[in-house]
Full PDB file with SEQRES, HELIX, SHEET, SSBOND, CRYST1, ORIGX, SCALE, CONECT and MASTER records, all heavy atoms in Angstrom:
SEQRES   1 A   44  ASP LYS GLU MET CYS ARG LYS ILE SER GLU TYR GLY LEU          
SEQRES   2 A   44  SER LEU LEU ASN ASP GLY ASP GLY ILE LEU THR HIS CYS          
SEQRES   3 A   44  ASN ALA GLY ALA LEU ALA THR SER SER TYR GLY THR GLY          
SEQRES   4 A   44  LEU GLY PRO LEU LEU                                          
HELIX    1 AA1 LYS A    2  LEU A   13  1                                  12    
HELIX    2 AA2 ALA A   30  ALA A   32  5                                   3    
CRYST1    1.000    1.000    1.000  90.00  90.00  90.00 P 1           1          
ORIGX1      1.000000  0.000000  0.000000        0.00000                         
ORIGX2      0.000000  1.000000  0.000000        0.00000                         
ORIGX3      0.000000  0.000000  1.000000        0.00000                         
SCALE1      1.000000  0.000000  0.000000        0.00000                         
SCALE2      0.000000  1.000000  0.000000        0.00000                         
SCALE3      0.000000  0.000000  1.000000        0.00000                         
ATOM      1  N   ASP A   1       0.824  -1.202   0.000  1.00  0.00           N  
ATOM      2  CA  ASP A   1       0.000   0.000   0.000  1.00  0.00           C  
ATOM      3  C   ASP A   1       0.863   1.258   0.000  1.00  0.00           C  
ATOM      4  O   ASP A   1       0.529   2.249  -0.648  1.00  0.00           O  
ATOM      5  CB  ASP A   1      -0.940   0.002   1.209  1.00  0.00           C  
ATOM      6  CG  ASP A   1      -1.952   1.128   1.143  1.00  0.00           C  
ATOM      7  OD1 ASP A   1      -2.938   0.993   0.399  1.00  0.00           O  
ATOM      8  OD2 ASP A   1      -1.733   2.156   1.813  1.00  0.00           O  
ATOM      9  N   LYS A   2       1.973   1.205   0.732  1.00  0.00           N  
ATOM     10  CA  LYS A   2       2.890   2.355   0.739  1.00  0.00           C  
ATOM     11  C   LYS A   2       3.415   2.632  -0.665  1.00  0.00           C  
ATOM     12  O   LYS A   2       3.471   3.791  -1.108  1.00  0.00           O  
ATOM     13  CB  LYS A   2       4.040   2.103   1.710  1.00  0.00           C  
ATOM     14  CG  LYS A   2       3.624   2.057   3.175  1.00  0.00           C  
ATOM     15  CD  LYS A   2       4.810   1.755   4.083  1.00  0.00           C  
ATOM     16  CE  LYS A   2       4.369   1.675   5.548  1.00  0.00           C  
ATOM     17  NZ  LYS A   2       5.491   1.346   6.448  1.00  0.00           N  
ATOM     18  N   GLU A   3       3.801   1.591  -1.380  1.00  0.00           N  
ATOM     19  CA  GLU A   3       4.290   1.748  -2.745  1.00  0.00           C  
ATOM     20  C   GLU A   3       3.167   2.219  -3.666  1.00  0.00           C  
ATOM     21  O   GLU A   3       3.372   3.060  -4.548  1.00  0.00           O  
ATOM     22  CB  GLU A   3       4.865   0.424  -3.240  1.00  0.00           C  
ATOM     23  CG  GLU A   3       5.376   0.453  -4.669  1.00  0.00           C  
ATOM     24  CD  GLU A   3       6.534   1.418  -4.890  1.00  0.00           C  
ATOM     25  OE1 GLU A   3       7.200   1.786  -3.902  1.00  0.00           O  
ATOM     26  OE2 GLU A   3       6.769   1.807  -6.049  1.00  0.00           O  
ATOM     27  N   MET A   4       1.961   1.676  -3.448  1.00  0.00           N  
ATOM     28  CA  MET A   4       0.803   2.095  -4.234  1.00  0.00           C  
ATOM     29  C   MET A   4       0.531   3.582  -4.067  1.00  0.00           C  
ATOM     30  O   MET A   4       0.295   4.302  -5.040  1.00  0.00           O  
ATOM     31  CB  MET A   4      -0.420   1.272  -3.808  1.00  0.00           C  
ATOM     32  CG  MET A   4      -1.733   1.700  -4.434  1.00  0.00           C  
ATOM     33  SD  MET A   4      -2.593   3.029  -3.521  1.00  0.00           S  
ATOM     34  CE  MET A   4      -2.981   2.224  -1.988  1.00  0.00           C  
ATOM     35  N   CYS A   5       0.576   4.057  -2.827  1.00  0.00           N  
ATOM     36  CA  CYS A   5       0.326   5.471  -2.554  1.00  0.00           C  
ATOM     37  C   CYS A   5       1.349   6.355  -3.257  1.00  0.00           C  
ATOM     38  O   CYS A   5       1.006   7.410  -3.803  1.00  0.00           O  
ATOM     39  CB  CYS A   5       0.369   5.732  -1.045  1.00  0.00           C  
ATOM     40  SG  CYS A   5      -1.070   5.128  -0.146  1.00  0.00           S  
ATOM     41  N   ARG A   6       2.591   5.927  -3.244  1.00  0.00           N  
ATOM     42  CA  ARG A   6       3.637   6.705  -3.902  1.00  0.00           C  
ATOM     43  C   ARG A   6       3.373   6.802  -5.405  1.00  0.00           C  
ATOM     44  O   ARG A   6       3.486   7.886  -5.994  1.00  0.00           O  
ATOM     45  CB  ARG A   6       4.995   6.042  -3.648  1.00  0.00           C  
ATOM     46  CG  ARG A   6       6.173   6.732  -4.345  1.00  0.00           C  
ATOM     47  CD  ARG A   6       6.614   7.955  -3.585  1.00  0.00           C  
ATOM     48  NE  ARG A   6       7.629   8.700  -4.312  1.00  0.00           N  
ATOM     49  CZ  ARG A   6       8.408   9.632  -3.765  1.00  0.00           C  
ATOM     50  NH1 ARG A   6       8.288   9.909  -2.478  1.00  0.00           N  
ATOM     51  NH2 ARG A   6       9.276  10.277  -4.472  1.00  0.00           N  
ATOM     52  N   LYS A   7       2.990   5.700  -6.012  1.00  0.00           N  
ATOM     53  CA  LYS A   7       2.731   5.703  -7.454  1.00  0.00           C  
ATOM     54  C   LYS A   7       1.536   6.583  -7.802  1.00  0.00           C  
ATOM     55  O   LYS A   7       1.579   7.372  -8.758  1.00  0.00           O  
ATOM     56  CB  LYS A   7       2.507   4.274  -7.944  1.00  0.00           C  
ATOM     57  CG  LYS A   7       3.765   3.415  -7.964  1.00  0.00           C  
ATOM     58  CD  LYS A   7       3.463   2.015  -8.452  1.00  0.00           C  
ATOM     59  CE  LYS A   7       4.724   1.170  -8.524  1.00  0.00           C  
ATOM     60  NZ  LYS A   7       4.430  -0.214  -8.961  1.00  0.00           N  
ATOM     61  N   ILE A   8       0.446   6.446  -7.055  1.00  0.00           N  
ATOM     62  CA  ILE A   8      -0.731   7.278  -7.302  1.00  0.00           C  
ATOM     63  C   ILE A   8      -0.376   8.750  -7.149  1.00  0.00           C  
ATOM     64  O   ILE A   8      -0.788   9.596  -7.960  1.00  0.00           O  
ATOM     65  CB  ILE A   8      -1.880   6.892  -6.343  1.00  0.00           C  
ATOM     66  CG1 ILE A   8      -2.452   5.532  -6.721  1.00  0.00           C  
ATOM     67  CG2 ILE A   8      -2.993   7.948  -6.361  1.00  0.00           C  
ATOM     68  CD1 ILE A   8      -3.530   5.037  -5.781  1.00  0.00           C  
ATOM     69  N   SER A   9       0.395   9.062  -6.124  1.00  0.00           N  
ATOM     70  CA  SER A   9       0.779  10.454  -5.871  1.00  0.00           C  
ATOM     71  C   SER A   9       1.598  11.011  -7.034  1.00  0.00           C  
ATOM     72  O   SER A   9       1.416  12.154  -7.449  1.00  0.00           O  
ATOM     73  CB  SER A   9       1.562  10.549  -4.562  1.00  0.00           C  
ATOM     74  OG  SER A   9       0.793  10.078  -3.471  1.00  0.00           O  
ATOM     75  N   GLU A  10       2.504  10.210  -7.562  1.00  0.00           N  
ATOM     76  CA  GLU A  10       3.340  10.665  -8.676  1.00  0.00           C  
ATOM     77  C   GLU A  10       2.508  10.872  -9.936  1.00  0.00           C  
ATOM     78  O   GLU A  10       2.663  11.878 -10.637  1.00  0.00           O  
ATOM     79  CB  GLU A  10       4.461   9.660  -8.924  1.00  0.00           C  
ATOM     80  CG  GLU A  10       5.518   9.663  -7.824  1.00  0.00           C  
ATOM     81  CD  GLU A  10       6.550   8.564  -7.985  1.00  0.00           C  
ATOM     82  OE1 GLU A  10       6.294   7.622  -8.767  1.00  0.00           O  
ATOM     83  OE2 GLU A  10       7.616   8.654  -7.331  1.00  0.00           O  
ATOM     84  N   TYR A  11       1.614   9.917 -10.231  1.00  0.00           N  
ATOM     85  CA  TYR A  11       0.747  10.073 -11.402  1.00  0.00           C  
ATOM     86  C   TYR A  11      -0.152  11.304 -11.235  1.00  0.00           C  
ATOM     87  O   TYR A  11      -0.337  12.087 -12.173  1.00  0.00           O  
ATOM     88  CB  TYR A  11      -0.122   8.827 -11.593  1.00  0.00           C  
ATOM     89  CG  TYR A  11       0.598   7.637 -12.177  1.00  0.00           C  
ATOM     90  CD1 TYR A  11       0.576   6.400 -11.523  1.00  0.00           C  
ATOM     91  CD2 TYR A  11       1.273   7.722 -13.383  1.00  0.00           C  
ATOM     92  CE1 TYR A  11       1.223   5.289 -12.050  1.00  0.00           C  
ATOM     93  CE2 TYR A  11       1.927   6.615 -13.926  1.00  0.00           C  
ATOM     94  CZ  TYR A  11       1.901   5.400 -13.259  1.00  0.00           C  
ATOM     95  OH  TYR A  11       2.539   4.304 -13.783  1.00  0.00           O  
ATOM     96  N   GLY A  12      -0.718  11.477 -10.044  1.00  0.00           N  
ATOM     97  CA  GLY A  12      -1.602  12.617  -9.813  1.00  0.00           C  
ATOM     98  C   GLY A  12      -0.876  13.937  -9.910  1.00  0.00           C  
ATOM     99  O   GLY A  12      -1.390  14.902 -10.492  1.00  0.00           O  
ATOM    100  N   LEU A  13       0.340  13.984  -9.364  1.00  0.00           N  
ATOM    101  CA  LEU A  13       1.111  15.228  -9.393  1.00  0.00           C  
ATOM    102  C   LEU A  13       1.441  15.637 -10.824  1.00  0.00           C  
ATOM    103  O   LEU A  13       1.542  16.831 -11.125  1.00  0.00           O  
ATOM    104  CB  LEU A  13       2.392  15.070  -8.575  1.00  0.00           C  
ATOM    105  CG  LEU A  13       3.245  16.327  -8.376  1.00  0.00           C  
ATOM    106  CD1 LEU A  13       2.448  17.436  -7.694  1.00  0.00           C  
ATOM    107  CD2 LEU A  13       4.495  15.995  -7.560  1.00  0.00           C  
ATOM    108  N   SER A  14       1.569  14.673 -11.723  1.00  0.00           N  
ATOM    109  CA  SER A  14       1.885  14.986 -13.122  1.00  0.00           C  
ATOM    110  C   SER A  14       0.769  15.758 -13.812  1.00  0.00           C  
ATOM    111  O   SER A  14       0.989  16.367 -14.868  1.00  0.00           O  
ATOM    112  CB  SER A  14       2.169  13.683 -13.893  1.00  0.00           C  
ATOM    113  OG  SER A  14       0.973  12.953 -14.153  1.00  0.00           O  
ATOM    114  N   LEU A  15      -0.426  15.766 -13.221  1.00  0.00           N  
ATOM    115  CA  LEU A  15      -1.568  16.471 -13.805  1.00  0.00           C  
ATOM    116  C   LEU A  15      -1.768  17.861 -13.203  1.00  0.00           C  
ATOM    117  O   LEU A  15      -2.663  18.588 -13.636  1.00  0.00           O  
ATOM    118  CB  LEU A  15      -2.842  15.645 -13.591  1.00  0.00           C  
ATOM    119  CG  LEU A  15      -2.855  14.258 -14.245  1.00  0.00           C  
ATOM    120  CD1 LEU A  15      -4.092  13.487 -13.820  1.00  0.00           C  
ATOM    121  CD2 LEU A  15      -2.796  14.361 -15.759  1.00  0.00           C  
ATOM    122  N   LEU A  16      -0.952  18.220 -12.222  1.00  0.00           N  
ATOM    123  CA  LEU A  16      -1.118  19.485 -11.515  1.00  0.00           C  
ATOM    124  C   LEU A  16       0.047  20.422 -11.809  1.00  0.00           C  
ATOM    125  O   LEU A  16       1.109  20.000 -12.265  1.00  0.00           O  
ATOM    126  CB  LEU A  16      -1.217  19.234 -10.006  1.00  0.00           C  
ATOM    127  CG  LEU A  16      -2.294  18.260  -9.540  1.00  0.00           C  
ATOM    128  CD1 LEU A  16      -2.246  18.102  -8.019  1.00  0.00           C  
ATOM    129  CD2 LEU A  16      -3.685  18.702  -9.986  1.00  0.00           C  
ATOM    130  N   ASN A  17      -0.173  21.702 -11.523  1.00  0.00           N  
ATOM    131  CA  ASN A  17       0.858  22.721 -11.697  1.00  0.00           C  
ATOM    132  C   ASN A  17       1.110  23.444 -10.389  1.00  0.00           C  
ATOM    133  O   ASN A  17       0.196  23.595  -9.560  1.00  0.00           O  
ATOM    134  CB  ASN A  17       0.429  23.740 -12.760  1.00  0.00           C  
ATOM    135  CG  ASN A  17       0.236  23.110 -14.126  1.00  0.00           C  
ATOM    136  OD1 ASN A  17       1.160  22.545 -14.700  1.00  0.00           O  
ATOM    137  ND2 ASN A  17      -0.979  23.202 -14.650  1.00  0.00           N  
ATOM    138  N   ASP A  18       2.330  23.898 -10.211  1.00  0.00           N  
ATOM    139  CA  ASP A  18       2.667  24.701  -9.042  1.00  0.00           C  
ATOM    140  C   ASP A  18       1.732  25.903  -8.968  1.00  0.00           C  
ATOM    141  O   ASP A  18       1.498  26.585  -9.967  1.00  0.00           O  
ATOM    142  CB  ASP A  18       4.119  25.166  -9.148  1.00  0.00           C  
ATOM    143  CG  ASP A  18       4.604  25.878  -7.899  1.00  0.00           C  
ATOM    144  OD1 ASP A  18       4.035  25.634  -6.819  1.00  0.00           O  
ATOM    145  OD2 ASP A  18       5.551  26.669  -8.004  1.00  0.00           O  
ATOM    146  N   GLY A  19       1.171  26.136  -7.794  1.00  0.00           N  
ATOM    147  CA  GLY A  19       0.277  27.270  -7.605  1.00  0.00           C  
ATOM    148  C   GLY A  19      -1.189  26.967  -7.846  1.00  0.00           C  
ATOM    149  O   GLY A  19      -2.038  27.848  -7.655  1.00  0.00           O  
ATOM    150  N   ASP A  20      -1.527  25.751  -8.248  1.00  0.00           N  
ATOM    151  CA  ASP A  20      -2.927  25.402  -8.517  1.00  0.00           C  
ATOM    152  C   ASP A  20      -3.786  25.526  -7.260  1.00  0.00           C  
ATOM    153  O   ASP A  20      -3.334  25.288  -6.136  1.00  0.00           O  
ATOM    154  CB  ASP A  20      -3.030  23.960  -9.031  1.00  0.00           C  
ATOM    155  CG  ASP A  20      -2.826  23.852 -10.529  1.00  0.00           C  
ATOM    156  OD1 ASP A  20      -2.738  24.898 -11.204  1.00  0.00           O  
ATOM    157  OD2 ASP A  20      -2.760  22.707 -11.036  1.00  0.00           O  
ATOM    158  N   GLY A  21      -5.041  25.878  -7.493  1.00  0.00           N  
ATOM    159  CA  GLY A  21      -6.054  25.808  -6.456  1.00  0.00           C  
ATOM    160  C   GLY A  21      -6.755  24.465  -6.545  1.00  0.00           C  
ATOM    161  O   GLY A  21      -7.174  24.040  -7.629  1.00  0.00           O  
ATOM    162  N   ILE A  22      -6.875  23.761  -5.427  1.00  0.00           N  
ATOM    163  CA  ILE A  22      -7.390  22.392  -5.408  1.00  0.00           C  
ATOM    164  C   ILE A  22      -8.568  22.311  -4.441  1.00  0.00           C  
ATOM    165  O   ILE A  22      -8.493  22.820  -3.318  1.00  0.00           O  
ATOM    166  CB  ILE A  22      -6.311  21.390  -4.962  1.00  0.00           C  
ATOM    167  CG1 ILE A  22      -5.046  21.526  -5.813  1.00  0.00           C  
ATOM    168  CG2 ILE A  22      -6.856  19.969  -4.997  1.00  0.00           C  
ATOM    169  CD1 ILE A  22      -5.206  21.176  -7.268  1.00  0.00           C  
ATOM    170  N   LEU A  23      -9.640  21.642  -4.876  1.00  0.00           N  
ATOM    171  CA  LEU A  23     -10.753  21.347  -3.976  1.00  0.00           C  
ATOM    172  C   LEU A  23     -10.687  19.877  -3.584  1.00  0.00           C  
ATOM    173  O   LEU A  23     -10.470  19.008  -4.430  1.00  0.00           O  
ATOM    174  CB  LEU A  23     -12.092  21.622  -4.651  1.00  0.00           C  
ATOM    175  CG  LEU A  23     -13.332  21.318  -3.785  1.00  0.00           C  
ATOM    176  CD1 LEU A  23     -13.520  22.388  -2.719  1.00  0.00           C  
ATOM    177  CD2 LEU A  23     -14.590  21.195  -4.639  1.00  0.00           C  
ATOM    178  N   THR A  24     -10.851  19.593  -2.287  1.00  0.00           N  
ATOM    179  CA  THR A  24     -10.927  18.212  -1.807  1.00  0.00           C  
ATOM    180  C   THR A  24     -12.248  17.995  -1.086  1.00  0.00           C  
ATOM    181  O   THR A  24     -12.883  18.938  -0.612  1.00  0.00           O  
ATOM    182  CB  THR A  24      -9.771  17.874  -0.847  1.00  0.00           C  
ATOM    183  OG1 THR A  24      -9.980  18.545   0.403  1.00  0.00           O  
ATOM    184  CG2 THR A  24      -8.433  18.281  -1.428  1.00  0.00           C  
ATOM    185  N   HIS A  25     -12.649  16.730  -1.017  1.00  0.00           N  
ATOM    186  CA  HIS A  25     -13.855  16.359  -0.283  1.00  0.00           C  
ATOM    187  C   HIS A  25     -13.537  15.098   0.509  1.00  0.00           C  
ATOM    188  O   HIS A  25     -12.865  14.208   0.013  1.00  0.00           O  
ATOM    189  CB  HIS A  25     -15.009  16.096  -1.248  1.00  0.00           C  
ATOM    190  CG  HIS A  25     -16.338  15.920  -0.569  1.00  0.00           C  
ATOM    191  ND1 HIS A  25     -17.093  16.999  -0.150  1.00  0.00           N  
ATOM    192  CD2 HIS A  25     -17.040  14.813  -0.234  1.00  0.00           C  
ATOM    193  CE1 HIS A  25     -18.215  16.564   0.409  1.00  0.00           C  
ATOM    194  NE2 HIS A  25     -18.199  15.233   0.375  1.00  0.00           N  
ATOM    195  N   CYS A  26     -14.006  15.038   1.745  1.00  0.00           N  
ATOM    196  CA  CYS A  26     -13.720  13.934   2.659  1.00  0.00           C  
ATOM    197  C   CYS A  26     -12.231  13.903   2.968  1.00  0.00           C  
ATOM    198  O   CYS A  26     -11.556  14.938   2.949  1.00  0.00           O  
ATOM    199  CB  CYS A  26     -14.229  12.605   2.099  1.00  0.00           C  
ATOM    200  SG  CYS A  26     -14.297  11.299   3.358  1.00  0.00           S  
ATOM    201  N   ASN A  27     -11.688  12.737   3.264  1.00  0.00           N  
ATOM    202  CA  ASN A  27     -10.262  12.610   3.575  1.00  0.00           C  
ATOM    203  C   ASN A  27      -9.690  11.416   2.835  1.00  0.00           C  
ATOM    204  O   ASN A  27     -10.204  10.307   2.955  1.00  0.00           O  
ATOM    205  CB  ASN A  27     -10.034  12.426   5.070  1.00  0.00           C  
ATOM    206  CG  ASN A  27      -8.577  12.137   5.398  1.00  0.00           C  
ATOM    207  OD1 ASN A  27      -8.204  10.982   5.591  1.00  0.00           O  
ATOM    208  ND2 ASN A  27      -7.762  13.171   5.419  1.00  0.00           N  
ATOM    209  N   ALA A  28      -8.659  11.647   2.052  1.00  0.00           N  
ATOM    210  CA  ALA A  28      -8.012  10.570   1.306  1.00  0.00           C  
ATOM    211  C   ALA A  28      -6.505  10.771   1.353  1.00  0.00           C  
ATOM    212  O   ALA A  28      -5.817  10.693   0.348  1.00  0.00           O  
ATOM    213  CB  ALA A  28      -8.512  10.531  -0.138  1.00  0.00           C  
ATOM    214  N   GLY A  29      -5.999  11.040   2.563  1.00  0.00           N  
ATOM    215  CA  GLY A  29      -4.572  11.252   2.751  1.00  0.00           C  
ATOM    216  C   GLY A  29      -3.925  10.082   3.463  1.00  0.00           C  
ATOM    217  O   GLY A  29      -4.408   8.949   3.398  1.00  0.00           O  
ATOM    218  N   ALA A  30      -2.847  10.362   4.170  1.00  0.00           N  
ATOM    219  CA  ALA A  30      -2.119   9.306   4.870  1.00  0.00           C  
ATOM    220  C   ALA A  30      -2.989   8.636   5.933  1.00  0.00           C  
ATOM    221  O   ALA A  30      -2.850   7.446   6.211  1.00  0.00           O  
ATOM    222  CB  ALA A  30      -0.853   9.881   5.502  1.00  0.00           C  
ATOM    223  N   LEU A  31      -3.908   9.382   6.528  1.00  0.00           N  
ATOM    224  CA  LEU A  31      -4.789   8.803   7.539  1.00  0.00           C  
ATOM    225  C   LEU A  31      -5.690   7.719   6.956  1.00  0.00           C  
ATOM    226  O   LEU A  31      -6.092   6.796   7.662  1.00  0.00           O  
ATOM    227  CB  LEU A  31      -5.661   9.903   8.155  1.00  0.00           C  
ATOM    228  CG  LEU A  31      -4.961  10.879   9.103  1.00  0.00           C  
ATOM    229  CD1 LEU A  31      -5.886  12.035   9.451  1.00  0.00           C  
ATOM    230  CD2 LEU A  31      -4.492  10.169  10.364  1.00  0.00           C  
ATOM    231  N   ALA A  32      -6.004   7.829   5.677  1.00  0.00           N  
ATOM    232  CA  ALA A  32      -6.912   6.887   5.033  1.00  0.00           C  
ATOM    233  C   ALA A  32      -6.179   5.731   4.370  1.00  0.00           C  
ATOM    234  O   ALA A  32      -6.820   4.820   3.832  1.00  0.00           O  
ATOM    235  CB  ALA A  32      -7.762   7.616   3.991  1.00  0.00           C  
ATOM    236  N   THR A  33      -4.849   5.776   4.402  1.00  0.00           N  
ATOM    237  CA  THR A  33      -4.056   4.752   3.719  1.00  0.00           C  
ATOM    238  C   THR A  33      -2.891   4.348   4.619  1.00  0.00           C  
ATOM    239  O   THR A  33      -3.054   4.159   5.806  1.00  0.00           O  
ATOM    240  CB  THR A  33      -3.540   5.290   2.368  1.00  0.00           C  
ATOM    241  OG1 THR A  33      -2.723   6.459   2.599  1.00  0.00           O  
ATOM    242  CG2 THR A  33      -4.693   5.666   1.444  1.00  0.00           C  
ATOM    243  N   SER A  34      -1.697   4.242   4.013  1.00  0.00           N  
ATOM    244  CA  SER A  34      -0.489   3.901   4.772  1.00  0.00           C  
ATOM    245  C   SER A  34       0.500   5.062   4.779  1.00  0.00           C  
ATOM    246  O   SER A  34       1.244   5.244   5.739  1.00  0.00           O  
ATOM    247  CB  SER A  34       0.181   2.675   4.153  1.00  0.00           C  
ATOM    248  OG  SER A  34       0.454   2.913   2.782  1.00  0.00           O  
ATOM    249  N   SER A  35       0.520   5.834   3.683  1.00  0.00           N  
ATOM    250  CA  SER A  35       1.389   6.998   3.559  1.00  0.00           C  
ATOM    251  C   SER A  35       0.930   7.809   2.361  1.00  0.00           C  
ATOM    252  O   SER A  35       0.352   7.251   1.426  1.00  0.00           O  
ATOM    253  CB  SER A  35       2.856   6.580   3.382  1.00  0.00           C  
ATOM    254  OG  SER A  35       3.025   5.862   2.179  1.00  0.00           O  
ATOM    255  N   TYR A  36       1.164   9.084   2.380  1.00  0.00           N  
ATOM    256  CA  TYR A  36       0.762  10.003   1.313  1.00  0.00           C  
ATOM    257  C   TYR A  36      -0.757  10.033   1.108  1.00  0.00           C  
ATOM    258  O   TYR A  36      -1.385  11.076   1.176  1.00  0.00           O  
ATOM    259  CB  TYR A  36       1.451   9.663  -0.031  1.00  0.00           C  
ATOM    260  CG  TYR A  36       2.908   9.977  -0.064  1.00  0.00           C  
ATOM    261  CD1 TYR A  36       3.849   8.956  -0.065  1.00  0.00           C  
ATOM    262  CD2 TYR A  36       3.375  11.289  -0.081  1.00  0.00           C  
ATOM    263  CE1 TYR A  36       5.211   9.230  -0.076  1.00  0.00           C  
ATOM    264  CE2 TYR A  36       4.734  11.582  -0.100  1.00  0.00           C  
ATOM    265  CZ  TYR A  36       5.642  10.539  -0.098  1.00  0.00           C  
ATOM    266  OH  TYR A  36       6.974  10.817  -0.112  1.00  0.00           O  
ATOM    267  N   GLY A  37      -1.338   8.882   0.808  1.00  0.00           N  
ATOM    268  CA  GLY A  37      -2.755   8.837   0.539  1.00  0.00           C  
ATOM    269  C   GLY A  37      -3.035   8.705  -0.939  1.00  0.00           C  
ATOM    270  O   GLY A  37      -2.141   8.474  -1.761  1.00  0.00           O  
ATOM    271  N   THR A  38      -4.311   8.864  -1.292  1.00  0.00           N  
ATOM    272  CA  THR A  38      -4.739   8.809  -2.688  1.00  0.00           C  
ATOM    273  C   THR A  38      -5.119  10.213  -3.132  1.00  0.00           C  
ATOM    274  O   THR A  38      -4.348  10.891  -3.802  1.00  0.00           O  
ATOM    275  CB  THR A  38      -5.901   7.814  -2.847  1.00  0.00           C  
ATOM    276  OG1 THR A  38      -6.964   8.148  -1.937  1.00  0.00           O  
ATOM    277  CG2 THR A  38      -5.431   6.400  -2.565  1.00  0.00           C  
ATOM    278  N   GLY A  39      -6.294  10.684  -2.735  1.00  0.00           N  
ATOM    279  CA  GLY A  39      -6.731  12.019  -3.135  1.00  0.00           C  
ATOM    280  C   GLY A  39      -5.820  13.135  -2.673  1.00  0.00           C  
ATOM    281  O   GLY A  39      -5.645  14.142  -3.373  1.00  0.00           O  
ATOM    282  N   LEU A  40      -5.209  12.996  -1.503  1.00  0.00           N  
ATOM    283  CA  LEU A  40      -4.293  14.021  -0.996  1.00  0.00           C  
ATOM    284  C   LEU A  40      -2.844  13.743  -1.362  1.00  0.00           C  
ATOM    285  O   LEU A  40      -1.981  14.609  -1.187  1.00  0.00           O  
ATOM    286  CB  LEU A  40      -4.396  14.134   0.533  1.00  0.00           C  
ATOM    287  CG  LEU A  40      -5.694  14.628   1.139  1.00  0.00           C  
ATOM    288  CD1 LEU A  40      -5.522  14.848   2.642  1.00  0.00           C  
ATOM    289  CD2 LEU A  40      -6.187  15.894   0.475  1.00  0.00           C  
ATOM    290  N   GLY A  41      -2.567  12.552  -1.863  1.00  0.00           N  
ATOM    291  CA  GLY A  41      -1.202  12.163  -2.133  1.00  0.00           C  
ATOM    292  C   GLY A  41      -0.410  13.130  -3.004  1.00  0.00           C  
ATOM    293  O   GLY A  41       0.727  13.492  -2.664  1.00  0.00           O  
ATOM    294  N   PRO A  42      -0.996  13.594  -4.140  1.00  0.00           N  
ATOM    295  CA  PRO A  42      -0.243  14.535  -4.975  1.00  0.00           C  
ATOM    296  C   PRO A  42       0.090  15.840  -4.254  1.00  0.00           C  
ATOM    297  O   PRO A  42       1.129  16.454  -4.527  1.00  0.00           O  
ATOM    298  CB  PRO A  42      -1.199  14.789  -6.153  1.00  0.00           C  
ATOM    299  CG  PRO A  42      -2.064  13.578  -6.205  1.00  0.00           C  
ATOM    300  CD  PRO A  42      -2.252  13.170  -4.775  1.00  0.00           C  
ATOM    301  N   LEU A  43      -0.759  16.257  -3.326  1.00  0.00           N  
ATOM    302  CA  LEU A  43      -0.511  17.492  -2.587  1.00  0.00           C  
ATOM    303  C   LEU A  43       0.636  17.306  -1.599  1.00  0.00           C  
ATOM    304  O   LEU A  43       1.519  18.171  -1.478  1.00  0.00           O  
ATOM    305  CB  LEU A  43      -1.778  17.927  -1.858  1.00  0.00           C  
ATOM    306  CG  LEU A  43      -3.035  18.074  -2.718  1.00  0.00           C  
ATOM    307  CD1 LEU A  43      -4.215  18.503  -1.850  1.00  0.00           C  
ATOM    308  CD2 LEU A  43      -2.811  19.064  -3.850  1.00  0.00           C  
ATOM    309  N   LEU A  44       0.639  16.181  -0.891  1.00  0.00           N  
ATOM    310  CA  LEU A  44       1.686  15.922   0.092  1.00  0.00           C  
ATOM    311  C   LEU A  44       3.025  15.662  -0.585  1.00  0.00           C  
ATOM    312  O   LEU A  44       4.065  16.147  -0.139  1.00  0.00           O  
ATOM    313  CB  LEU A  44       1.273  14.736   0.964  1.00  0.00           C  
ATOM    314  CG  LEU A  44       0.015  14.972   1.825  1.00  0.00           C  
ATOM    315  CD1 LEU A  44      -0.463  13.670   2.456  1.00  0.00           C  
ATOM    316  CD2 LEU A  44       0.277  16.009   2.899  1.00  0.00           C  
TER     317      LEU A  44                                                      
MASTER        0    0    0    2    0    0    0    6  316    1    0    4          
END                                                                             
């Protein structure tokens, strides 16, 4: 799961730009996984 979170975070970050405004809903970060998270992973 830790490796999975890292991969998702890297793929997600590739779609974002420095300075972007991001909306999140619920919690999908490290608390919801093992590290980094899914929805919050690219931000962390």
